């Protein structure tokens, strides 16, 4: 038999969820404010110039951040009737949503890696080996993200207290836990 959560556990979970929601919303407000006040500079410095690799990376970095913020603050609960057909359909959508989140995060890490490699290339007097090392080390989170996403399972969870949501669980053996 499963054990029901106690009232203090439920209150603690709601407080943690509330802090997460406030943090994400505050971050979204800050990013939105920063994008609004710098949009004029972006038009002048980026959109009216000749497009290069660095311009494309800047645009990818900026608008991936906007997409990730919108995705993060959007509600993740589903309002559906609890039928088996709808459950299977929503389970598929939940998996796709988890996958979209992973892909957007990995794309953003890839842009960060490329920017870091370009910075190292410039700082280290055009040393290709240092830039390649910086690029490879910055791509480690992308590699681990691809691995855990490919080996993971997306589960559609119906919690009587917290509601309905999708969670991604990596299916990684306990022998890889180095703690």
N, C-alpha and C. Protein backbone atom coordinates (compact mmCIF):
# COMPACT_ATOMS: atom_id res chain seq x y z
N UNK A 1 0.83 -1.18 0.00
CA UNK A 1 0.00 0.00 0.00
C UNK A 1 0.88 1.25 0.00
N UNK A 2 0.42 2.21 -0.73
CA UNK A 2 1.17 3.46 -0.72
C UNK A 2 0.73 4.29 0.47
N UNK A 3 1.63 5.07 0.95
CA UNK A 3 1.38 5.89 2.11
C UNK A 3 0.95 7.28 1.67
N UNK A 4 -0.09 7.82 2.26
CA UNK A 4 -0.57 9.16 1.93
C UNK A 4 0.34 10.19 2.56
N UNK A 5 0.56 11.30 1.85
CA UNK A 5 1.41 12.34 2.44
C UNK A 5 0.70 13.01 3.62
N UNK A 6 1.50 13.42 4.59
CA UNK A 6 0.94 14.12 5.74
C UNK A 6 0.72 15.58 5.37
N UNK A 7 -0.05 16.27 6.20
CA UNK A 7 -0.34 17.68 5.92
C UNK A 7 0.93 18.52 5.89
N UNK A 8 1.87 18.36 6.81
CA UNK A 8 3.10 19.16 6.72
C UNK A 8 3.89 18.88 5.42
N UNK A 9 3.87 17.61 4.95
CA UNK A 9 4.55 17.30 3.70
C UNK A 9 3.89 18.01 2.52
N UNK A 10 2.56 18.03 2.51
CA UNK A 10 1.82 18.69 1.44
C UNK A 10 2.09 20.19 1.46
N UNK A 11 2.07 20.79 2.65
CA UNK A 11 2.34 22.22 2.78
C UNK A 11 3.76 22.53 2.32
N UNK A 12 4.72 21.70 2.71
CA UNK A 12 6.10 21.92 2.28
C UNK A 12 6.23 21.81 0.76
N UNK A 13 5.53 20.85 0.15
CA UNK A 13 5.58 20.70 -1.30
C UNK A 13 4.97 21.92 -2.00
N UNK A 14 3.83 22.39 -1.48
CA UNK A 14 3.21 23.59 -2.06
C UNK A 14 4.11 24.81 -1.91
N UNK A 15 4.77 24.95 -0.76
CA UNK A 15 5.68 26.09 -0.56
C UNK A 15 6.84 26.02 -1.55
N UNK A 16 7.39 24.83 -1.74
CA UNK A 16 8.50 24.67 -2.69
C UNK A 16 8.03 24.99 -4.11
N UNK A 17 6.84 24.52 -4.48
CA UNK A 17 6.30 24.82 -5.80
C UNK A 17 6.04 26.31 -5.97
N UNK A 18 5.57 26.96 -4.91
CA UNK A 18 5.29 28.39 -4.96
C UNK A 18 6.59 29.19 -5.13
N UNK A 19 7.64 28.80 -4.42
CA UNK A 19 8.94 29.47 -4.57
C UNK A 19 9.45 29.28 -6.00
N UNK A 20 9.33 28.06 -6.54
CA UNK A 20 9.74 27.82 -7.93
C UNK A 20 8.96 28.70 -8.90
N UNK A 21 7.65 28.76 -8.72
CA UNK A 21 6.81 29.57 -9.62
C UNK A 21 7.18 31.04 -9.53
N UNK A 22 7.37 31.56 -8.31
CA UNK A 22 7.76 32.96 -8.15
C UNK A 22 9.13 33.22 -8.78
N UNK A 23 10.06 32.30 -8.61
CA UNK A 23 11.40 32.47 -9.18
C UNK A 23 11.34 32.50 -10.70
N UNK A 24 10.64 31.54 -11.29
CA UNK A 24 10.53 31.51 -12.75
C UNK A 24 9.83 32.76 -13.29
N UNK A 25 8.77 33.20 -12.63
CA UNK A 25 8.05 34.39 -13.09
C UNK A 25 8.89 35.66 -12.92
N UNK A 26 9.64 35.75 -11.83
CA UNK A 26 10.52 36.92 -11.64
C UNK A 26 11.62 36.92 -12.71
N UNK A 27 12.16 35.77 -13.01
CA UNK A 27 13.18 35.67 -14.04
C UNK A 27 12.60 36.03 -15.40
N UNK A 28 11.40 35.57 -15.68
CA UNK A 28 10.75 35.90 -16.95
C UNK A 28 10.50 37.41 -17.05
N UNK A 29 10.09 38.03 -15.96
CA UNK A 29 9.87 39.48 -15.96
C UNK A 29 11.18 40.22 -16.19
N UNK A 30 12.25 39.77 -15.55
CA UNK A 30 13.55 40.41 -15.72
C UNK A 30 14.05 40.28 -17.17
N UNK A 31 13.93 39.08 -17.73
CA UNK A 31 14.38 38.86 -19.11
C UNK A 31 13.54 39.70 -20.08
N UNK A 32 12.23 39.74 -19.87
CA UNK A 32 11.35 40.54 -20.72
C UNK A 32 11.72 42.01 -20.64
N UNK A 33 11.95 42.52 -19.44
CA UNK A 33 12.33 43.92 -19.25
C UNK A 33 13.65 44.20 -19.98
N UNK A 34 14.63 43.32 -19.81
CA UNK A 34 15.93 43.52 -20.45
C UNK A 34 15.79 43.50 -21.96
N UNK A 35 14.96 42.62 -22.50
CA UNK A 35 14.79 42.55 -23.95
C UNK A 35 14.07 43.79 -24.48
N UNK A 36 13.12 44.30 -23.73
CA UNK A 36 12.40 45.50 -24.16
C UNK A 36 13.32 46.72 -24.19
N UNK A 37 14.13 46.89 -23.14
CA UNK A 37 14.97 48.10 -23.09
C UNK A 37 16.17 48.01 -24.04
N UNK A 38 16.54 46.83 -24.50
CA UNK A 38 17.69 46.72 -25.40
C UNK A 38 17.27 46.42 -26.85
N UNK A 39 15.98 46.40 -27.13
CA UNK A 39 15.53 46.06 -28.48
C UNK A 39 16.01 47.09 -29.51
N UNK A 40 15.99 48.36 -29.16
CA UNK A 40 16.46 49.40 -30.08
C UNK A 40 17.93 49.20 -30.43
N UNK A 41 18.74 48.89 -29.42
CA UNK A 41 20.16 48.62 -29.67
C UNK A 41 20.34 47.37 -30.53
N UNK A 42 19.50 46.36 -30.30
CA UNK A 42 19.58 45.14 -31.11
C UNK A 42 19.30 45.43 -32.58
N UNK A 43 18.27 46.24 -32.83
CA UNK A 43 17.94 46.59 -34.22
C UNK A 43 19.11 47.31 -34.87
N UNK A 44 19.69 48.28 -34.16
CA UNK A 44 20.81 49.05 -34.71
C UNK A 44 22.05 48.20 -34.91
N UNK A 45 22.40 47.41 -33.92
CA UNK A 45 23.67 46.68 -33.95
C UNK A 45 23.62 45.34 -34.68
N UNK A 46 22.44 44.74 -34.77
CA UNK A 46 22.37 43.38 -35.34
C UNK A 46 21.58 43.35 -36.63
N UNK A 47 20.35 43.82 -36.59
CA UNK A 47 19.46 43.63 -37.72
C UNK A 47 19.84 44.45 -38.95
N UNK A 48 20.52 45.57 -38.75
CA UNK A 48 20.87 46.43 -39.88
C UNK A 48 22.28 46.20 -40.41
N UNK A 49 22.94 45.17 -39.91
CA UNK A 49 24.29 44.86 -40.35
C UNK A 49 24.27 43.64 -41.26
N UNK A 50 25.40 43.41 -41.90
CA UNK A 50 25.53 42.21 -42.72
C UNK A 50 25.56 41.00 -41.78
N UNK A 51 24.86 39.94 -42.19
CA UNK A 51 24.74 38.76 -41.33
C UNK A 51 25.98 37.89 -41.46
N UNK A 52 26.50 37.49 -40.30
CA UNK A 52 27.66 36.61 -40.25
C UNK A 52 27.35 35.47 -39.28
N UNK A 53 28.30 34.60 -39.07
CA UNK A 53 28.12 33.48 -38.14
C UNK A 53 27.83 34.00 -36.73
N UNK A 54 28.55 35.02 -36.32
CA UNK A 54 28.36 35.58 -34.98
C UNK A 54 26.96 36.21 -34.86
N UNK A 55 26.48 36.84 -35.91
CA UNK A 55 25.12 37.41 -35.88
C UNK A 55 24.09 36.31 -35.69
N UNK A 56 24.24 35.23 -36.44
CA UNK A 56 23.30 34.10 -36.30
C UNK A 56 23.35 33.50 -34.90
N UNK A 57 24.56 33.41 -34.34
CA UNK A 57 24.69 32.88 -32.98
C UNK A 57 24.03 33.81 -31.96
N UNK A 58 24.19 35.12 -32.14
CA UNK A 58 23.55 36.07 -31.24
C UNK A 58 22.03 35.92 -31.29
N UNK A 59 21.49 35.87 -32.50
CA UNK A 59 20.04 35.74 -32.66
C UNK A 59 19.55 34.42 -32.07
N UNK A 60 20.29 33.34 -32.32
CA UNK A 60 19.90 32.03 -31.76
C UNK A 60 19.92 32.08 -30.24
N UNK A 61 20.95 32.67 -29.67
CA UNK A 61 21.06 32.78 -28.21
C UNK A 61 19.91 33.59 -27.63
N UNK A 62 19.65 34.72 -28.24
CA UNK A 62 18.62 35.63 -27.72
C UNK A 62 17.22 35.02 -27.81
N UNK A 63 16.90 34.45 -28.95
CA UNK A 63 15.53 33.98 -29.14
C UNK A 63 15.29 32.56 -28.62
N UNK A 64 16.36 31.79 -28.45
CA UNK A 64 16.20 30.53 -27.72
C UNK A 64 15.86 30.82 -26.26
N UNK A 65 16.48 31.87 -25.71
CA UNK A 65 16.18 32.26 -24.33
C UNK A 65 14.71 32.66 -24.19
N UNK A 66 14.20 33.42 -25.15
CA UNK A 66 12.79 33.82 -25.10
C UNK A 66 11.90 32.58 -25.19
N UNK A 67 12.20 31.69 -26.12
CA UNK A 67 11.40 30.47 -26.26
C UNK A 67 11.44 29.62 -25.02
N UNK A 68 12.62 29.47 -24.42
CA UNK A 68 12.74 28.67 -23.21
C UNK A 68 12.00 29.31 -22.04
N UNK A 69 12.03 30.63 -21.95
CA UNK A 69 11.29 31.32 -20.87
C UNK A 69 9.79 31.13 -21.05
N UNK A 70 9.30 31.27 -22.27
CA UNK A 70 7.87 31.08 -22.52
C UNK A 70 7.46 29.65 -22.18
N UNK A 71 8.29 28.70 -22.60
CA UNK A 71 7.99 27.30 -22.31
C UNK A 71 8.02 27.04 -20.81
N UNK A 72 8.97 27.65 -20.09
CA UNK A 72 9.12 27.40 -18.66
C UNK A 72 7.95 27.96 -17.86
N UNK A 73 7.48 29.15 -18.20
CA UNK A 73 6.41 29.74 -17.39
C UNK A 73 5.03 29.33 -17.85
N UNK A 74 4.93 28.64 -18.98
CA UNK A 74 3.61 28.19 -19.42
C UNK A 74 3.13 27.07 -18.50
N UNK A 75 1.82 26.98 -18.27
CA UNK A 75 1.30 25.95 -17.35
C UNK A 75 1.53 24.56 -17.93
N UNK A 76 1.88 23.64 -17.05
CA UNK A 76 2.15 22.28 -17.51
C UNK A 76 1.05 21.31 -17.11
N UNK A 77 0.00 21.80 -16.53
CA UNK A 77 -1.09 20.90 -16.16
C UNK A 77 -2.03 20.74 -17.33
N UNK A 78 -2.69 19.61 -17.37
CA UNK A 78 -3.64 19.32 -18.44
C UNK A 78 -5.05 19.27 -17.86
N UNK A 79 -5.99 19.82 -18.58
CA UNK A 79 -7.39 19.78 -18.16
C UNK A 79 -8.12 18.87 -19.14
N UNK A 80 -8.16 17.60 -18.82
CA UNK A 80 -8.75 16.61 -19.72
C UNK A 80 -9.67 15.68 -18.93
N UNK A 81 -10.54 15.00 -19.68
CA UNK A 81 -11.35 13.97 -19.05
C UNK A 81 -10.50 12.73 -18.87
N UNK A 82 -10.65 12.02 -17.76
CA UNK A 82 -9.79 10.87 -17.51
C UNK A 82 -10.26 9.60 -18.24
N UNK A 83 -10.16 9.58 -19.56
CA UNK A 83 -10.46 8.37 -20.30
C UNK A 83 -9.15 7.77 -20.80
N UNK A 84 -9.17 6.50 -21.11
CA UNK A 84 -7.93 5.83 -21.52
C UNK A 84 -7.41 6.42 -22.83
N UNK A 85 -8.26 6.72 -23.78
CA UNK A 85 -7.80 7.28 -25.05
C UNK A 85 -7.13 8.64 -24.82
N UNK A 86 -7.77 9.48 -24.04
CA UNK A 86 -7.20 10.80 -23.77
C UNK A 86 -5.92 10.65 -22.96
N UNK A 87 -5.87 9.71 -22.04
CA UNK A 87 -4.66 9.49 -21.24
C UNK A 87 -3.49 9.12 -22.14
N UNK A 88 -3.71 8.20 -23.07
CA UNK A 88 -2.62 7.81 -23.95
C UNK A 88 -2.22 8.98 -24.86
N UNK A 89 -3.20 9.72 -25.32
CA UNK A 89 -2.90 10.87 -26.18
C UNK A 89 -2.10 11.91 -25.41
N UNK A 90 -2.49 12.20 -24.18
CA UNK A 90 -1.79 13.19 -23.38
C UNK A 90 -0.41 12.68 -22.98
N UNK A 91 -0.28 11.38 -22.74
CA UNK A 91 1.04 10.82 -22.42
C UNK A 91 1.99 11.07 -23.58
N UNK A 92 1.50 10.93 -24.80
CA UNK A 92 2.33 11.20 -25.97
C UNK A 92 2.69 12.68 -26.03
N UNK A 93 1.72 13.55 -25.78
CA UNK A 93 1.99 14.99 -25.80
C UNK A 93 2.95 15.38 -24.68
N UNK A 94 2.80 14.73 -23.52
CA UNK A 94 3.70 15.03 -22.41
C UNK A 94 5.13 14.66 -22.78
N UNK A 95 5.31 13.51 -23.44
CA UNK A 95 6.65 13.10 -23.85
C UNK A 95 7.22 14.10 -24.86
N UNK A 96 6.38 14.53 -25.81
CA UNK A 96 6.84 15.49 -26.80
C UNK A 96 7.22 16.81 -26.13
N UNK A 97 6.45 17.25 -25.13
CA UNK A 97 6.77 18.48 -24.41
C UNK A 97 8.08 18.37 -23.66
N UNK A 98 8.33 17.22 -23.04
CA UNK A 98 9.59 17.01 -22.35
C UNK A 98 10.74 17.02 -23.34
N UNK A 99 10.53 16.41 -24.49
CA UNK A 99 11.55 16.37 -25.53
C UNK A 99 11.85 17.77 -26.08
N UNK A 100 10.81 18.57 -26.28
CA UNK A 100 11.00 19.95 -26.76
C UNK A 100 11.83 20.74 -25.75
N UNK A 101 11.52 20.58 -24.47
CA UNK A 101 12.28 21.27 -23.43
C UNK A 101 13.74 20.86 -23.47
N UNK A 102 14.01 19.57 -23.61
CA UNK A 102 15.39 19.08 -23.67
C UNK A 102 16.12 19.63 -24.90
N UNK A 103 15.45 19.61 -26.04
CA UNK A 103 16.10 20.07 -27.28
C UNK A 103 16.42 21.56 -27.20
N UNK A 104 15.47 22.36 -26.67
CA UNK A 104 15.73 23.79 -26.54
C UNK A 104 16.89 24.05 -25.58
N UNK A 105 16.95 23.32 -24.49
CA UNK A 105 18.05 23.49 -23.53
C UNK A 105 19.38 23.10 -24.13
N UNK A 106 19.40 21.97 -24.88
CA UNK A 106 20.66 21.54 -25.51
C UNK A 106 21.10 22.51 -26.60
N UNK A 107 20.14 23.07 -27.34
CA UNK A 107 20.49 24.06 -28.36
C UNK A 107 21.11 25.29 -27.72
N UNK A 108 20.56 25.69 -26.59
CA UNK A 108 21.11 26.87 -25.91
C UNK A 108 22.52 26.58 -25.38
N UNK A 109 22.74 25.40 -24.82
CA UNK A 109 24.08 25.04 -24.38
C UNK A 109 25.06 25.00 -25.56
N UNK A 110 24.60 24.56 -26.73
CA UNK A 110 25.46 24.52 -27.92
C UNK A 110 25.88 25.92 -28.34
N UNK A 111 24.94 26.87 -28.28
CA UNK A 111 25.27 28.26 -28.62
C UNK A 111 26.25 28.82 -27.60
N UNK A 112 26.04 28.53 -26.30
CA UNK A 112 26.98 28.98 -25.27
C UNK A 112 28.37 28.41 -25.55
N UNK A 113 28.43 27.14 -25.93
CA UNK A 113 29.72 26.48 -26.20
C UNK A 113 30.43 27.16 -27.37
N UNK A 114 29.68 27.47 -28.42
CA UNK A 114 30.29 28.12 -29.59
C UNK A 114 30.79 29.52 -29.23
N UNK A 115 30.00 30.29 -28.47
CA UNK A 115 30.44 31.62 -28.04
C UNK A 115 31.70 31.53 -27.17
N UNK A 116 31.71 30.57 -26.26
CA UNK A 116 32.88 30.41 -25.39
C UNK A 116 34.12 30.04 -26.20
N UNK A 117 33.96 29.18 -27.19
CA UNK A 117 35.09 28.78 -28.03
C UNK A 117 35.60 29.98 -28.84
N UNK A 118 34.68 30.79 -29.36
CA UNK A 118 35.11 31.99 -30.09
C UNK A 118 35.85 32.97 -29.18
N UNK A 119 35.38 33.11 -27.95
CA UNK A 119 36.07 34.00 -27.00
C UNK A 119 37.48 33.48 -26.71
N UNK A 120 37.58 32.17 -26.46
CA UNK A 120 38.89 31.58 -26.19
C UNK A 120 39.80 31.72 -27.41
N UNK A 121 39.25 31.56 -28.59
CA UNK A 121 40.02 31.71 -29.83
C UNK A 121 40.59 33.12 -29.93
N UNK A 122 39.78 34.11 -29.58
CA UNK A 122 40.23 35.51 -29.66
C UNK A 122 41.23 35.84 -28.54
N UNK A 123 40.96 35.39 -27.34
CA UNK A 123 41.82 35.72 -26.20
C UNK A 123 43.18 35.04 -26.30
N UNK A 124 43.20 33.80 -26.75
CA UNK A 124 44.44 33.01 -26.81
C UNK A 124 45.14 33.18 -28.17
N UNK A 125 45.02 34.33 -28.77
CA UNK A 125 45.75 34.67 -30.00
C UNK A 125 45.51 33.64 -31.11
N UNK A 126 44.23 33.35 -31.35
CA UNK A 126 43.80 32.45 -32.43
C UNK A 126 44.35 31.04 -32.30
N UNK A 127 44.44 30.55 -31.07
CA UNK A 127 44.91 29.19 -30.82
C UNK A 127 43.73 28.23 -31.01
N UNK A 128 43.80 27.44 -32.07
CA UNK A 128 42.71 26.53 -32.43
C UNK A 128 42.56 25.42 -31.39
N UNK A 129 43.67 24.96 -30.83
CA UNK A 129 43.61 23.86 -29.87
C UNK A 129 42.89 24.26 -28.59
N UNK A 130 43.17 25.45 -28.10
CA UNK A 130 42.47 25.95 -26.90
C UNK A 130 40.99 26.13 -27.21
N UNK A 131 40.67 26.71 -28.36
CA UNK A 131 39.27 26.91 -28.73
C UNK A 131 38.55 25.57 -28.85
N UNK A 132 39.20 24.57 -29.44
CA UNK A 132 38.58 23.24 -29.56
C UNK A 132 38.37 22.60 -28.20
N UNK A 133 39.35 22.77 -27.30
CA UNK A 133 39.20 22.23 -25.95
C UNK A 133 38.04 22.89 -25.22
N UNK A 134 37.95 24.20 -25.31
CA UNK A 134 36.84 24.93 -24.67
C UNK A 134 35.50 24.49 -25.26
N UNK A 135 35.44 24.34 -26.59
CA UNK A 135 34.21 23.88 -27.23
C UNK A 135 33.82 22.49 -26.75
N UNK A 136 34.77 21.57 -26.73
CA UNK A 136 34.46 20.20 -26.30
C UNK A 136 34.02 20.15 -24.84
N UNK A 137 34.70 20.87 -23.97
CA UNK A 137 34.31 20.87 -22.56
C UNK A 137 32.94 21.50 -22.34
N UNK A 138 32.61 22.53 -23.13
CA UNK A 138 31.30 23.16 -23.01
C UNK A 138 30.19 22.32 -23.63
N UNK A 139 30.54 21.36 -24.48
CA UNK A 139 29.53 20.48 -25.08
C UNK A 139 29.24 19.25 -24.23
N UNK A 140 29.94 19.08 -23.10
CA UNK A 140 29.67 17.94 -22.21
C UNK A 140 28.21 17.93 -21.73
N UNK A 141 27.63 19.07 -21.29
CA UNK A 141 26.22 19.04 -20.90
C UNK A 141 25.28 18.63 -22.05
N UNK A 142 25.63 18.98 -23.26
CA UNK A 142 24.81 18.58 -24.41
C UNK A 142 24.88 17.07 -24.58
N UNK A 143 26.07 16.51 -24.48
CA UNK A 143 26.22 15.06 -24.60
C UNK A 143 25.50 14.31 -23.50
N UNK A 144 25.61 14.78 -22.27
CA UNK A 144 24.90 14.10 -21.19
C UNK A 144 23.40 14.29 -21.33
N UNK A 145 22.98 15.45 -21.83
CA UNK A 145 21.55 15.66 -22.06
C UNK A 145 20.99 14.74 -23.13
N UNK A 146 21.74 14.55 -24.22
CA UNK A 146 21.31 13.63 -25.28
C UNK A 146 21.23 12.21 -24.73
N UNK A 147 22.23 11.82 -23.95
CA UNK A 147 22.25 10.47 -23.38
C UNK A 147 21.07 10.23 -22.45
N UNK A 148 20.85 11.17 -21.51
CA UNK A 148 19.75 10.96 -20.56
C UNK A 148 18.39 11.06 -21.24
N UNK A 149 18.26 11.90 -22.26
CA UNK A 149 16.99 11.99 -22.98
C UNK A 149 16.73 10.72 -23.77
N UNK A 150 17.77 10.20 -24.42
CA UNK A 150 17.59 8.97 -25.20
C UNK A 150 17.31 7.78 -24.31
N UNK A 151 17.85 7.76 -23.10
CA UNK A 151 17.65 6.65 -22.19
C UNK A 151 16.53 6.88 -21.20
N UNK A 152 15.83 8.01 -21.32
CA UNK A 152 14.84 8.38 -20.33
C UNK A 152 13.43 7.96 -20.70
N UNK A 153 12.55 8.14 -19.73
CA UNK A 153 11.13 7.85 -19.90
C UNK A 153 10.34 9.07 -19.46
N UNK A 154 9.36 9.44 -20.26
CA UNK A 154 8.46 10.52 -19.86
C UNK A 154 7.21 9.88 -19.29
N UNK A 155 6.85 10.29 -18.10
CA UNK A 155 5.69 9.70 -17.43
C UNK A 155 4.63 10.78 -17.22
N UNK A 156 3.41 10.43 -17.50
CA UNK A 156 2.26 11.31 -17.28
C UNK A 156 1.73 10.97 -15.90
N UNK A 157 1.86 11.89 -14.96
CA UNK A 157 1.55 11.62 -13.56
C UNK A 157 0.28 12.35 -13.16
N UNK A 158 -0.60 11.63 -12.50
CA UNK A 158 -1.82 12.22 -11.95
C UNK A 158 -1.70 12.14 -10.44
N UNK A 159 -1.48 13.29 -9.83
CA UNK A 159 -1.35 13.37 -8.38
C UNK A 159 -2.63 14.00 -7.84
N UNK A 160 -3.26 13.39 -6.85
CA UNK A 160 -4.52 13.95 -6.35
C UNK A 160 -4.37 15.31 -5.68
N UNK A 161 -3.16 15.65 -5.26
CA UNK A 161 -2.95 16.92 -4.58
C UNK A 161 -2.36 17.96 -5.53
N UNK A 162 -1.31 17.60 -6.24
CA UNK A 162 -0.59 18.56 -7.07
C UNK A 162 -1.15 18.69 -8.48
N UNK A 163 -1.98 17.75 -8.91
CA UNK A 163 -2.58 17.83 -10.24
C UNK A 163 -1.93 16.88 -11.22
N UNK A 164 -2.08 17.19 -12.49
CA UNK A 164 -1.60 16.34 -13.57
C UNK A 164 -0.42 17.01 -14.25
N UNK A 165 0.66 16.28 -14.43
CA UNK A 165 1.84 16.85 -15.06
C UNK A 165 2.69 15.75 -15.66
N UNK A 166 3.67 16.16 -16.46
CA UNK A 166 4.58 15.23 -17.12
C UNK A 166 5.96 15.38 -16.52
N UNK A 167 6.59 14.26 -16.22
CA UNK A 167 7.94 14.28 -15.67
C UNK A 167 8.83 13.39 -16.52
N UNK A 168 10.07 13.79 -16.69
CA UNK A 168 11.04 12.96 -17.38
C UNK A 168 11.94 12.27 -16.37
N UNK A 169 12.11 10.97 -16.53
CA UNK A 169 12.95 10.18 -15.64
C UNK A 169 14.05 9.51 -16.44
N UNK A 170 15.31 9.74 -16.09
CA UNK A 170 16.38 9.05 -16.82
C UNK A 170 16.44 7.58 -16.38
N UNK A 171 16.50 6.68 -17.34
CA UNK A 171 16.61 5.25 -17.04
C UNK A 171 18.09 4.88 -17.04
N UNK A 172 18.78 5.30 -16.00
CA UNK A 172 20.21 5.06 -15.91
C UNK A 172 20.45 4.11 -14.74
N UNK A 173 21.34 3.19 -14.97
CA UNK A 173 21.63 2.16 -13.97
C UNK A 173 22.18 2.79 -12.69
N UNK A 174 21.90 2.15 -11.57
CA UNK A 174 22.38 2.65 -10.28
C UNK A 174 23.90 2.58 -10.18
N UNK A 175 24.54 1.74 -11.01
CA UNK A 175 25.99 1.62 -10.96
C UNK A 175 26.67 2.90 -11.47
N UNK A 176 25.95 3.76 -12.20
CA UNK A 176 26.52 5.02 -12.65
C UNK A 176 26.45 6.11 -11.61
N UNK A 177 25.77 5.85 -10.50
CA UNK A 177 25.67 6.83 -9.44
C UNK A 177 26.96 6.81 -8.62
N UNK A 178 27.75 7.86 -8.74
CA UNK A 178 29.05 7.89 -8.08
C UNK A 178 29.01 8.47 -6.67
N UNK A 179 27.83 8.80 -6.19
CA UNK A 179 27.73 9.42 -4.86
C UNK A 179 27.98 8.43 -3.76
